[in-house]
Amino acid sequence: MDALGSQLESLCSGRTAIACRCLGQLYVRGEGRPRDDVRAVSAYESSCSNGDGLACAFLSFMVRTGRGTPQDTGRAFELLASTCQQGLAEACNSLGYWYVRGDFVERDYQRAFALFLSACRKGNVNACDSVGEAYEKGWHVAQDLPRAEPCYLLGCNYWNGGGSCESAARVRARMSGLTAPSDSD
């Protein structure tokens, strides 16, 4: 085991939540040790029980997919919902996708949009992209291209390119087309 892993093991044994989360990540990725989902779940459980919301979100993924632990969709949902209520933007964003897909819960686009909007306002760039898409396409909100563009631009600036930039350009072009004079004028 590498030095970092040994230090994290020691700190996690002492119930240092962030150390347990980081140790879980090392086990999930197989960095400095063999990949071990069971140990990752154990580390996330310890971190989550000590108040680390991000570890609870990671644990939710492991529990939902059955990696290193028996699959339990209900528990995965409860972990995300509780962590979202505590204000973790990543959990709210993930929970939004549960409502979009209808995973374990009844499909509810309005609830999904509210979760994405909440997560975006807390700084989750992926959620902002989802808000932009909802405004652009009018998915259970009024179509609003001027609101869609800045949502996409957040992702464009954050990732310095990519799909968000393409989406922002598409929306900008559509807005220009809406205000441009027609051929009959």
N, C-alpha and C. Protein backbone atom coordinates (compact mmCIF):
# COMPACT_ATOMS: atom_id res chain seq x y z
N MET A 1 0.86 -1.18 0.00
CA MET A 1 0.00 0.00 0.00
C MET A 1 0.90 1.23 0.00
N ASP A 2 0.54 2.24 -0.75
CA ASP A 2 1.33 3.45 -0.83
C ASP A 2 1.20 4.28 0.46
N ALA A 3 2.06 5.27 0.60
CA ALA A 3 2.09 6.09 1.82
C ALA A 3 0.78 6.84 2.03
N LEU A 4 0.24 7.41 0.95
CA LEU A 4 -1.02 8.14 1.07
C LEU A 4 -2.13 7.22 1.55
N GLY A 5 -2.22 6.05 0.95
CA GLY A 5 -3.23 5.09 1.35
C GLY A 5 -3.09 4.69 2.81
N SER A 6 -1.87 4.50 3.27
CA SER A 6 -1.63 4.15 4.67
C SER A 6 -2.07 5.28 5.60
N GLN A 7 -1.76 6.51 5.22
CA GLN A 7 -2.18 7.66 6.04
C GLN A 7 -3.70 7.76 6.07
N LEU A 8 -4.34 7.58 4.94
CA LEU A 8 -5.79 7.65 4.89
C LEU A 8 -6.43 6.54 5.71
N GLU A 9 -5.86 5.32 5.63
CA GLU A 9 -6.36 4.20 6.44
C GLU A 9 -6.33 4.57 7.92
N SER A 10 -5.21 5.15 8.35
CA SER A 10 -5.05 5.52 9.76
C SER A 10 -6.04 6.60 10.16
N LEU A 11 -6.18 7.63 9.34
CA LEU A 11 -7.12 8.71 9.64
C LEU A 11 -8.56 8.22 9.61
N CYS A 12 -8.86 7.34 8.68
CA CYS A 12 -10.22 6.81 8.58
C CYS A 12 -10.54 5.95 9.80
N SER A 13 -9.57 5.20 10.29
CA SER A 13 -9.78 4.40 11.51
C SER A 13 -10.10 5.31 12.69
N GLY A 14 -9.56 6.53 12.64
CA GLY A 14 -9.84 7.52 13.68
C GLY A 14 -11.11 8.30 13.42
N ARG A 15 -11.89 7.89 12.43
CA ARG A 15 -13.19 8.50 12.08
C ARG A 15 -13.09 9.90 11.49
N THR A 16 -12.03 10.16 10.73
CA THR A 16 -11.92 11.42 10.00
C THR A 16 -12.66 11.24 8.68
N ALA A 17 -13.82 11.88 8.58
CA ALA A 17 -14.75 11.63 7.47
C ALA A 17 -14.11 11.83 6.10
N ILE A 18 -13.44 12.92 5.89
CA ILE A 18 -12.88 13.19 4.56
C ILE A 18 -11.81 12.17 4.20
N ALA A 19 -11.07 11.68 5.19
CA ALA A 19 -10.06 10.65 4.92
C ALA A 19 -10.74 9.37 4.44
N CYS A 20 -11.86 9.03 5.06
CA CYS A 20 -12.59 7.83 4.64
C CYS A 20 -13.11 7.97 3.22
N ARG A 21 -13.64 9.16 2.89
CA ARG A 21 -14.12 9.37 1.52
C ARG A 21 -12.98 9.24 0.53
N CYS A 22 -11.85 9.86 0.82
CA CYS A 22 -10.70 9.79 -0.09
C CYS A 22 -10.20 8.35 -0.22
N LEU A 23 -10.19 7.61 0.89
CA LEU A 23 -9.79 6.21 0.85
C LEU A 23 -10.75 5.42 -0.04
N GLY A 24 -12.04 5.69 0.10
CA GLY A 24 -13.02 5.04 -0.76
C GLY A 24 -12.73 5.29 -2.23
N GLN A 25 -12.38 6.53 -2.55
CA GLN A 25 -12.06 6.86 -3.94
C GLN A 25 -10.84 6.09 -4.43
N LEU A 26 -9.83 5.93 -3.57
CA LEU A 26 -8.65 5.16 -3.97
C LEU A 26 -9.03 3.72 -4.28
N TYR A 27 -9.91 3.14 -3.44
CA TYR A 27 -10.33 1.76 -3.68
C TYR A 27 -11.18 1.64 -4.93
N VAL A 28 -12.06 2.58 -5.18
CA VAL A 28 -12.89 2.54 -6.39
C VAL A 28 -12.02 2.61 -7.63
N ARG A 29 -11.03 3.46 -7.60
CA ARG A 29 -10.18 3.67 -8.79
C ARG A 29 -9.03 2.66 -8.88
N GLY A 30 -8.73 1.98 -7.78
CA GLY A 30 -7.60 1.07 -7.79
C GLY A 30 -6.27 1.81 -7.82
N GLU A 31 -6.22 2.96 -7.17
CA GLU A 31 -4.99 3.76 -7.16
C GLU A 31 -4.14 3.39 -5.94
N GLY A 32 -2.94 2.85 -6.20
CA GLY A 32 -2.02 2.50 -5.13
C GLY A 32 -2.41 1.21 -4.43
N ARG A 33 -3.40 0.54 -4.93
CA ARG A 33 -3.91 -0.71 -4.34
C ARG A 33 -4.83 -1.35 -5.36
N PRO A 34 -5.13 -2.62 -5.19
CA PRO A 34 -6.10 -3.23 -6.10
C PRO A 34 -7.49 -2.60 -5.91
N ARG A 35 -8.21 -2.52 -6.99
CA ARG A 35 -9.58 -2.01 -6.90
C ARG A 35 -10.36 -2.94 -5.97
N ASP A 36 -11.12 -2.34 -5.06
CA ASP A 36 -11.86 -3.13 -4.08
C ASP A 36 -13.14 -2.37 -3.70
N ASP A 37 -14.23 -2.72 -4.37
CA ASP A 37 -15.50 -2.03 -4.15
C ASP A 37 -16.06 -2.26 -2.74
N VAL A 38 -15.81 -3.44 -2.17
CA VAL A 38 -16.30 -3.72 -0.82
C VAL A 38 -15.64 -2.78 0.19
N ARG A 39 -14.34 -2.60 0.07
CA ARG A 39 -13.63 -1.67 0.97
C ARG A 39 -14.04 -0.22 0.68
N ALA A 40 -14.30 0.07 -0.56
CA ALA A 40 -14.74 1.43 -0.90
C ALA A 40 -16.08 1.72 -0.21
N VAL A 41 -17.00 0.78 -0.29
CA VAL A 41 -18.30 0.96 0.36
C VAL A 41 -18.12 1.14 1.86
N SER A 42 -17.27 0.34 2.45
CA SER A 42 -17.02 0.45 3.89
C SER A 42 -16.48 1.85 4.24
N ALA A 43 -15.56 2.34 3.45
CA ALA A 43 -14.99 3.67 3.69
C ALA A 43 -16.06 4.75 3.51
N TYR A 44 -16.87 4.64 2.45
CA TYR A 44 -17.94 5.61 2.23
C TYR A 44 -18.97 5.56 3.35
N GLU A 45 -19.31 4.35 3.81
CA GLU A 45 -20.26 4.20 4.93
C GLU A 45 -19.75 4.96 6.15
N SER A 46 -18.47 4.78 6.45
CA SER A 46 -17.89 5.44 7.62
C SER A 46 -17.92 6.95 7.45
N SER A 47 -17.54 7.42 6.30
CA SER A 47 -17.52 8.85 6.03
C SER A 47 -18.92 9.44 6.05
N CYS A 48 -19.85 8.75 5.41
CA CYS A 48 -21.24 9.22 5.35
C CYS A 48 -21.84 9.29 6.75
N SER A 49 -21.60 8.26 7.56
CA SER A 49 -22.16 8.25 8.92
C SER A 49 -21.56 9.34 9.81
N ASN A 50 -20.43 9.88 9.36
CA ASN A 50 -19.80 10.98 10.09
C ASN A 50 -20.08 12.34 9.44
N GLY A 51 -21.12 12.38 8.59
CA GLY A 51 -21.60 13.66 8.09
C GLY A 51 -21.04 14.15 6.78
N ASP A 52 -20.30 13.33 6.05
CA ASP A 52 -19.72 13.75 4.77
C ASP A 52 -20.73 13.50 3.65
N GLY A 53 -21.42 14.56 3.23
CA GLY A 53 -22.46 14.43 2.22
C GLY A 53 -21.97 13.89 0.90
N LEU A 54 -20.78 14.29 0.48
CA LEU A 54 -20.27 13.80 -0.80
C LEU A 54 -20.03 12.29 -0.73
N ALA A 55 -19.56 11.80 0.41
CA ALA A 55 -19.40 10.36 0.58
C ALA A 55 -20.76 9.67 0.51
N CYS A 56 -21.80 10.29 1.05
CA CYS A 56 -23.14 9.72 0.98
C CYS A 56 -23.60 9.63 -0.47
N ALA A 57 -23.27 10.63 -1.28
CA ALA A 57 -23.63 10.61 -2.70
C ALA A 57 -22.87 9.49 -3.41
N PHE A 58 -21.58 9.32 -3.11
CA PHE A 58 -20.80 8.23 -3.71
C PHE A 58 -21.36 6.88 -3.26
N LEU A 59 -21.70 6.79 -1.98
CA LEU A 59 -22.26 5.55 -1.43
C LEU A 59 -23.59 5.24 -2.12
N SER A 60 -24.39 6.25 -2.36
CA SER A 60 -25.66 6.05 -3.05
C SER A 60 -25.45 5.39 -4.41
N PHE A 61 -24.45 5.84 -5.15
CA PHE A 61 -24.15 5.24 -6.46
C PHE A 61 -23.77 3.77 -6.29
N MET A 62 -22.93 3.48 -5.32
CA MET A 62 -22.49 2.11 -5.11
C MET A 62 -23.67 1.21 -4.73
N VAL A 63 -24.53 1.71 -3.86
CA VAL A 63 -25.69 0.95 -3.41
C VAL A 63 -26.70 0.77 -4.56
N ARG A 64 -26.90 1.81 -5.36
CA ARG A 64 -27.85 1.72 -6.47
C ARG A 64 -27.40 0.71 -7.52
N THR A 65 -26.09 0.67 -7.77
CA THR A 65 -25.57 -0.22 -8.81
C THR A 65 -25.15 -1.58 -8.28
N GLY A 66 -25.15 -1.75 -6.96
CA GLY A 66 -24.75 -3.02 -6.38
C GLY A 66 -23.26 -3.28 -6.44
N ARG A 67 -22.48 -2.24 -6.46
CA ARG A 67 -21.02 -2.39 -6.48
C ARG A 67 -20.51 -2.46 -5.04
N GLY A 68 -19.99 -3.61 -4.66
CA GLY A 68 -19.40 -3.78 -3.34
C GLY A 68 -20.41 -3.98 -2.23
N THR A 69 -21.67 -4.02 -2.57
CA THR A 69 -22.75 -4.16 -1.60
C THR A 69 -23.99 -4.64 -2.34
N PRO A 70 -24.92 -5.27 -1.66
CA PRO A 70 -26.15 -5.65 -2.36
C PRO A 70 -26.88 -4.42 -2.91
N GLN A 71 -27.42 -4.57 -4.09
CA GLN A 71 -28.17 -3.47 -4.71
C GLN A 71 -29.42 -3.17 -3.88
N ASP A 72 -29.62 -1.88 -3.59
CA ASP A 72 -30.77 -1.45 -2.80
C ASP A 72 -31.18 -0.06 -3.28
N THR A 73 -32.07 -0.04 -4.26
CA THR A 73 -32.48 1.22 -4.88
C THR A 73 -33.13 2.15 -3.87
N GLY A 74 -33.95 1.62 -2.99
CA GLY A 74 -34.61 2.45 -1.98
C GLY A 74 -33.61 3.16 -1.08
N ARG A 75 -32.62 2.42 -0.62
CA ARG A 75 -31.60 3.04 0.24
C ARG A 75 -30.79 4.07 -0.55
N ALA A 76 -30.46 3.75 -1.79
CA ALA A 76 -29.71 4.70 -2.62
C ALA A 76 -30.48 6.01 -2.77
N PHE A 77 -31.79 5.88 -3.02
CA PHE A 77 -32.63 7.07 -3.16
C PHE A 77 -32.63 7.87 -1.86
N GLU A 78 -32.82 7.19 -0.73
CA GLU A 78 -32.86 7.88 0.57
C GLU A 78 -31.55 8.59 0.87
N LEU A 79 -30.43 7.97 0.54
CA LEU A 79 -29.13 8.61 0.75
C LEU A 79 -29.04 9.91 -0.05
N LEU A 80 -29.45 9.85 -1.32
CA LEU A 80 -29.40 11.05 -2.16
C LEU A 80 -30.38 12.11 -1.68
N ALA A 81 -31.59 11.71 -1.37
CA ALA A 81 -32.61 12.67 -0.93
C ALA A 81 -32.18 13.37 0.35
N SER A 82 -31.66 12.62 1.29
CA SER A 82 -31.21 13.20 2.56
C SER A 82 -30.04 14.15 2.34
N THR A 83 -29.11 13.74 1.50
CA THR A 83 -27.94 14.58 1.23
C THR A 83 -28.33 15.83 0.46
N CYS A 84 -29.29 15.71 -0.44
CA CYS A 84 -29.79 16.88 -1.16
C CYS A 84 -30.45 17.86 -0.19
N GLN A 85 -31.25 17.33 0.73
CA GLN A 85 -31.92 18.19 1.72
C GLN A 85 -30.90 18.92 2.59
N GLN A 86 -29.72 18.33 2.76
CA GLN A 86 -28.66 18.98 3.53
C GLN A 86 -27.93 20.04 2.70
N GLY A 87 -28.26 20.11 1.41
CA GLY A 87 -27.73 21.18 0.57
C GLY A 87 -26.61 20.82 -0.37
N LEU A 88 -26.28 19.54 -0.54
CA LEU A 88 -25.19 19.16 -1.44
C LEU A 88 -25.69 19.19 -2.89
N ALA A 89 -25.16 20.11 -3.66
CA ALA A 89 -25.60 20.31 -5.04
C ALA A 89 -25.46 19.05 -5.88
N GLU A 90 -24.38 18.31 -5.72
CA GLU A 90 -24.17 17.10 -6.51
C GLU A 90 -25.28 16.09 -6.26
N ALA A 91 -25.73 15.98 -5.02
CA ALA A 91 -26.80 15.04 -4.70
C ALA A 91 -28.12 15.49 -5.33
N CYS A 92 -28.39 16.79 -5.27
CA CYS A 92 -29.63 17.31 -5.89
C CYS A 92 -29.61 17.09 -7.39
N ASN A 93 -28.46 17.29 -8.02
CA ASN A 93 -28.34 17.07 -9.46
C ASN A 93 -28.60 15.60 -9.79
N SER A 94 -27.97 14.69 -9.05
CA SER A 94 -28.18 13.26 -9.28
C SER A 94 -29.63 12.87 -9.06
N LEU A 95 -30.23 13.40 -8.02
CA LEU A 95 -31.62 13.11 -7.72
C LEU A 95 -32.53 13.60 -8.85
N GLY A 96 -32.18 14.73 -9.44
CA GLY A 96 -32.94 15.24 -10.59
C GLY A 96 -33.01 14.23 -11.72
N TYR A 97 -31.90 13.55 -11.96
CA TYR A 97 -31.88 12.53 -13.02
C TYR A 97 -32.77 11.34 -12.67
N TRP A 98 -32.89 11.01 -11.38
CA TRP A 98 -33.80 9.94 -10.98
C TRP A 98 -35.22 10.29 -11.41
N TYR A 99 -35.59 11.56 -11.21
CA TYR A 99 -36.95 11.99 -11.57
C TYR A 99 -37.13 12.09 -13.07
N VAL A 100 -36.10 12.46 -13.80
CA VAL A 100 -36.20 12.52 -15.26
C VAL A 100 -36.42 11.13 -15.84
N ARG A 101 -35.66 10.16 -15.33
CA ARG A 101 -35.73 8.80 -15.87
C ARG A 101 -36.86 7.97 -15.26
N GLY A 102 -37.38 8.42 -14.12
CA GLY A 102 -38.38 7.62 -13.43
C GLY A 102 -37.76 6.43 -12.73
N ASP A 103 -36.52 6.59 -12.24
CA ASP A 103 -35.84 5.53 -11.51
C ASP A 103 -36.35 5.47 -10.08
N PHE A 104 -37.04 4.40 -9.74
CA PHE A 104 -37.54 4.13 -8.40
C PHE A 104 -38.68 5.08 -8.01
N VAL A 105 -38.76 6.21 -8.63
CA VAL A 105 -39.80 7.20 -8.33
C VAL A 105 -40.61 7.42 -9.61
N GLU A 106 -41.78 7.96 -9.45
CA GLU A 106 -42.58 8.30 -10.63
C GLU A 106 -41.88 9.44 -11.37
N ARG A 107 -41.84 9.32 -12.68
CA ARG A 107 -41.21 10.36 -13.51
C ARG A 107 -41.91 11.68 -13.22
N ASP A 108 -41.10 12.71 -12.94
CA ASP A 108 -41.64 14.02 -12.57
C ASP A 108 -40.67 15.09 -13.04
N TYR A 109 -40.95 15.61 -14.24
CA TYR A 109 -40.05 16.58 -14.84
C TYR A 109 -40.02 17.91 -14.07
N GLN A 110 -41.14 18.28 -13.49
CA GLN A 110 -41.15 19.53 -12.72
C GLN A 110 -40.28 19.41 -11.48
N ARG A 111 -40.35 18.27 -10.80
CA ARG A 111 -39.50 18.04 -9.63
C ARG A 111 -38.03 17.99 -10.07
N ALA A 112 -37.77 17.33 -11.19
CA ALA A 112 -36.40 17.26 -11.71
C ALA A 112 -35.87 18.66 -12.00
N PHE A 113 -36.69 19.48 -12.65
CA PHE A 113 -36.26 20.84 -12.97
C PHE A 113 -35.95 21.62 -11.69
N ALA A 114 -36.80 21.50 -10.68
CA ALA A 114 -36.56 22.20 -9.42
C ALA A 114 -35.25 21.75 -8.79
N LEU A 115 -34.95 20.45 -8.85
CA LEU A 115 -33.69 19.94 -8.30
C LEU A 115 -32.50 20.44 -9.10
N PHE A 116 -32.62 20.43 -10.43
CA PHE A 116 -31.53 20.94 -11.27
C PHE A 116 -31.29 22.42 -11.01
N LEU A 117 -32.36 23.18 -10.90
CA LEU A 117 -32.24 24.62 -10.65
C LEU A 117 -31.58 24.88 -9.30
N SER A 118 -31.99 24.14 -8.29
CA SER A 118 -31.39 24.27 -6.97
C SER A 118 -29.89 23.95 -7.01
N ALA A 119 -29.55 22.85 -7.68
CA ALA A 119 -28.14 22.45 -7.78
C ALA A 119 -27.33 23.46 -8.58
N CYS A 120 -27.92 24.01 -9.64
CA CYS A 120 -27.24 25.02 -10.46
C CYS A 120 -26.95 26.26 -9.62
N ARG A 121 -27.94 26.70 -8.86
CA ARG A 121 -27.76 27.88 -8.01
C ARG A 121 -26.68 27.67 -6.95
N LYS A 122 -26.42 26.40 -6.63
CA LYS A 122 -25.37 26.07 -5.65
C LYS A 122 -24.03 25.81 -6.33
N GLY A 123 -23.99 25.99 -7.66
CA GLY A 123 -22.72 25.90 -8.36
C GLY A 123 -22.44 24.62 -9.12
N ASN A 124 -23.40 23.71 -9.25
CA ASN A 124 -23.17 22.48 -10.00
C ASN A 124 -23.37 22.76 -11.48
N VAL A 125 -22.28 22.76 -12.23
CA VAL A 125 -22.30 23.14 -13.64
C VAL A 125 -23.11 22.15 -14.48
N ASN A 126 -23.05 20.86 -14.14
CA ASN A 126 -23.85 19.88 -14.89
C ASN A 126 -25.33 20.19 -14.76
N ALA A 127 -25.75 20.59 -13.56
CA ALA A 127 -27.15 20.93 -13.34
C ALA A 127 -27.53 22.17 -14.16
N CYS A 128 -26.62 23.12 -14.26
CA CYS A 128 -26.90 24.33 -15.06
C CYS A 128 -27.13 23.96 -16.52
N ASP A 129 -26.38 23.01 -17.01
CA ASP A 129 -26.57 22.54 -18.38
C ASP A 129 -27.96 21.93 -18.54
N SER A 130 -28.41 21.19 -17.55
CA SER A 130 -29.75 20.59 -17.59
C SER A 130 -30.83 21.67 -17.56
N VAL A 131 -30.61 22.72 -16.76
CA VAL A 131 -31.55 23.83 -16.71
C VAL A 131 -31.60 24.52 -18.07
N GLY A 132 -30.43 24.73 -18.67
CA GLY A 132 -30.38 25.34 -20.00
C GLY A 132 -31.14 24.53 -21.02
N GLU A 133 -30.97 23.21 -20.96
CA GLU A 133 -31.68 22.34 -21.90
C GLU A 133 -33.19 22.41 -21.70
N ALA A 134 -33.61 22.45 -20.45
CA ALA A 134 -35.06 22.56 -20.18
C ALA A 134 -35.61 23.87 -20.74
N TYR A 135 -34.90 24.96 -20.52
CA TYR A 135 -35.37 26.25 -21.05
C TYR A 135 -35.33 26.27 -22.57
N GLU A 136 -34.30 25.69 -23.16
CA GLU A 136 -34.20 25.69 -24.61
C GLU A 136 -35.33 24.89 -25.25
N LYS A 137 -35.61 23.73 -24.69
CA LYS A 137 -36.57 22.83 -25.32
C LYS A 137 -37.98 22.94 -24.76
N GLY A 138 -38.14 23.76 -23.72
CA GLY A 138 -39.46 23.92 -23.13
C GLY A 138 -39.93 22.67 -22.42
N TRP A 139 -39.00 21.96 -21.78
CA TRP A 139 -39.35 20.74 -21.06
C TRP A 139 -39.97 21.09 -19.72
N HIS A 140 -41.27 21.10 -19.67
CA HIS A 140 -42.04 21.33 -18.44
C HIS A 140 -41.77 22.68 -17.80
N VAL A 141 -41.23 23.58 -18.58
CA VAL A 141 -41.13 25.00 -18.23
C VAL A 141 -41.38 25.74 -19.54
N ALA A 142 -41.72 26.99 -19.42
CA ALA A 142 -41.91 27.76 -20.66
C ALA A 142 -40.58 27.86 -21.39
N GLN A 143 -40.61 27.65 -22.70
CA GLN A 143 -39.38 27.80 -23.47
C GLN A 143 -38.89 29.23 -23.31
N ASP A 144 -37.61 29.38 -23.01
CA ASP A 144 -37.06 30.70 -22.72
C ASP A 144 -35.59 30.70 -23.14
N LEU A 145 -35.34 31.00 -24.42
CA LEU A 145 -33.98 30.96 -24.96
C LEU A 145 -33.04 31.94 -24.26
N PRO A 146 -33.50 33.16 -23.92
CA PRO A 146 -32.58 34.07 -23.20
C PRO A 146 -32.15 33.53 -21.83
N ARG A 147 -32.95 32.68 -21.22
CA ARG A 147 -32.53 32.05 -19.96
C ARG A 147 -31.65 30.83 -20.22
N ALA A 148 -31.85 30.16 -21.33
CA ALA A 148 -31.07 28.97 -21.65
C ALA A 148 -29.61 29.31 -21.90
N GLU A 149 -29.36 30.37 -22.65
CA GLU A 149 -27.99 30.69 -23.05
C GLU A 149 -27.03 30.86 -21.88
N PRO A 150 -27.34 31.66 -20.86
CA PRO A 150 -26.35 31.80 -19.76
C PRO A 150 -26.13 30.50 -18.99
N CYS A 151 -27.14 29.65 -18.94
CA CYS A 151 -26.95 28.35 -18.28
C CYS A 151 -25.91 27.53 -19.03
N TYR A 152 -26.03 27.50 -20.34
CA TYR A 152 -25.04 26.78 -21.15
C TYR A 152 -23.66 27.44 -21.06
N LEU A 153 -23.63 28.77 -21.02
CA LEU A 153 -22.35 29.47 -20.97
C LEU A 153 -21.57 29.16 -19.70
N LEU A 154 -22.28 28.88 -18.61
CA LEU A 154 -21.58 28.49 -17.38
C LEU A 154 -20.75 27.23 -17.62
N GLY A 155 -21.36 26.24 -18.27
CA GLY A 155 -20.63 25.02 -18.59
C GLY A 155 -19.54 25.25 -19.62
N CYS A 156 -19.83 26.07 -20.60
CA CYS A 156 -18.85 26.38 -21.63
C CYS A 156 -17.60 27.01 -21.01
N ASN A 157 -17.80 27.96 -20.13
CA ASN A 157 -16.66 28.62 -19.48
C ASN A 157 -15.95 27.69 -18.51
N TYR A 158 -16.71 26.86 -17.82
CA TYR A 158 -16.12 25.95 -16.84
C TYR A 158 -15.24 24.91 -17.52
N TRP A 159 -15.78 24.30 -18.60
CA TRP A 159 -15.04 23.25 -19.29
C TRP A 159 -14.18 23.78 -20.43
N ASN A 160 -14.26 25.07 -20.67
CA ASN A 160 -13.47 25.70 -21.73
C ASN A 160 -13.69 25.01 -23.07
N GLY A 161 -14.96 24.82 -23.40
CA GLY A 161 -15.30 24.20 -24.68
C GLY A 161 -16.34 23.12 -24.50
N GLY A 162 -16.52 22.34 -25.54
CA GLY A 162 -17.38 21.17 -25.47
C GLY A 162 -18.83 21.43 -25.82
N GLY A 163 -19.67 20.49 -25.40
CA GLY A 163 -21.08 20.50 -25.74
C GLY A 163 -21.84 21.70 -25.23
N SER A 164 -21.47 22.21 -24.07
CA SER A 164 -22.16 23.39 -23.54
C SER A 164 -21.94 24.60 -24.43
N CYS A 165 -20.73 24.73 -24.98
CA CYS A 165 -20.45 25.85 -25.89
C CYS A 165 -21.26 25.71 -27.17
N GLU A 166 -21.36 24.49 -27.67
CA GLU A 166 -22.16 24.24 -28.87
C GLU A 166 -23.63 24.56 -28.61
N SER A 167 -24.11 24.19 -27.43
CA SER A 167 -25.50 24.48 -27.08
C SER A 167 -25.74 25.97 -26.97
N ALA A 168 -24.81 26.69 -26.34
CA ALA A 168 -24.93 28.15 -26.21
C ALA A 168 -24.95 28.81 -27.59
N ALA A 169 -24.08 28.34 -28.48
CA ALA A 169 -24.04 28.90 -29.84
C ALA A 169 -25.34 28.61 -30.59
N ARG A 170 -25.86 27.42 -30.41
CA ARG A 170 -27.12 27.05 -31.08
C ARG A 170 -28.26 27.96 -30.60
N VAL A 171 -28.32 28.18 -29.28
CA VAL A 171 -29.37 29.03 -28.72
C VAL A 171 -29.19 30.47 -29.21
N ARG A 172 -27.96 30.94 -29.21
CA ARG A 172 -27.69 32.31 -29.68
C ARG A 172 -28.13 32.47 -31.13
N ALA A 173 -27.84 31.47 -31.96
CA ALA A 173 -28.25 31.53 -33.37
C ALA A 173 -29.76 31.53 -33.49
N ARG A 174 -30.42 30.71 -32.69
CA ARG A 174 -31.88 30.68 -32.73
C ARG A 174 -32.47 32.02 -32.31
N MET A 175 -31.87 32.65 -31.29
CA MET A 175 -32.38 33.94 -30.83
C MET A 175 -32.16 34.99 -31.93
N SER A 176 -31.03 34.93 -32.59
CA SER A 176 -30.77 35.89 -33.68
C SER A 176 -31.76 35.70 -34.81
N GLY A 177 -32.07 34.44 -35.08
CA GLY A 177 -33.05 34.14 -36.13
C GLY A 177 -34.44 34.61 -35.78
N LEU A 178 -34.76 34.60 -34.49
CA LEU A 178 -36.09 35.03 -34.06
C LEU A 178 -36.26 36.53 -34.19
N THR A 179 -35.15 37.26 -34.06
CA THR A 179 -35.25 38.72 -34.09
C THR A 179 -34.82 39.29 -35.43
N ALA A 180 -34.30 38.46 -36.31
CA ALA A 180 -33.87 38.97 -37.61
C ALA A 180 -35.09 39.27 -38.48
N PRO A 181 -34.98 40.27 -39.35
CA PRO A 181 -36.10 40.57 -40.23
C PRO A 181 -36.36 39.40 -41.18
N SER A 182 -37.59 39.19 -41.50
CA SER A 182 -37.93 38.09 -42.41
C SER A 182 -37.72 38.56 -43.84
N ASP A 183 -37.70 37.59 -44.78
CA ASP A 183 -37.50 37.91 -46.20
C ASP A 183 -38.65 38.73 -46.76
N SER A 184 -39.81 38.66 -46.13
CA SER A 184 -40.96 39.37 -46.65
C SER A 184 -41.00 40.84 -46.20
N ASP A 185 -40.11 41.25 -45.27
CA ASP A 185 -40.11 42.65 -44.80
C ASP A 185 -39.50 43.58 -45.80
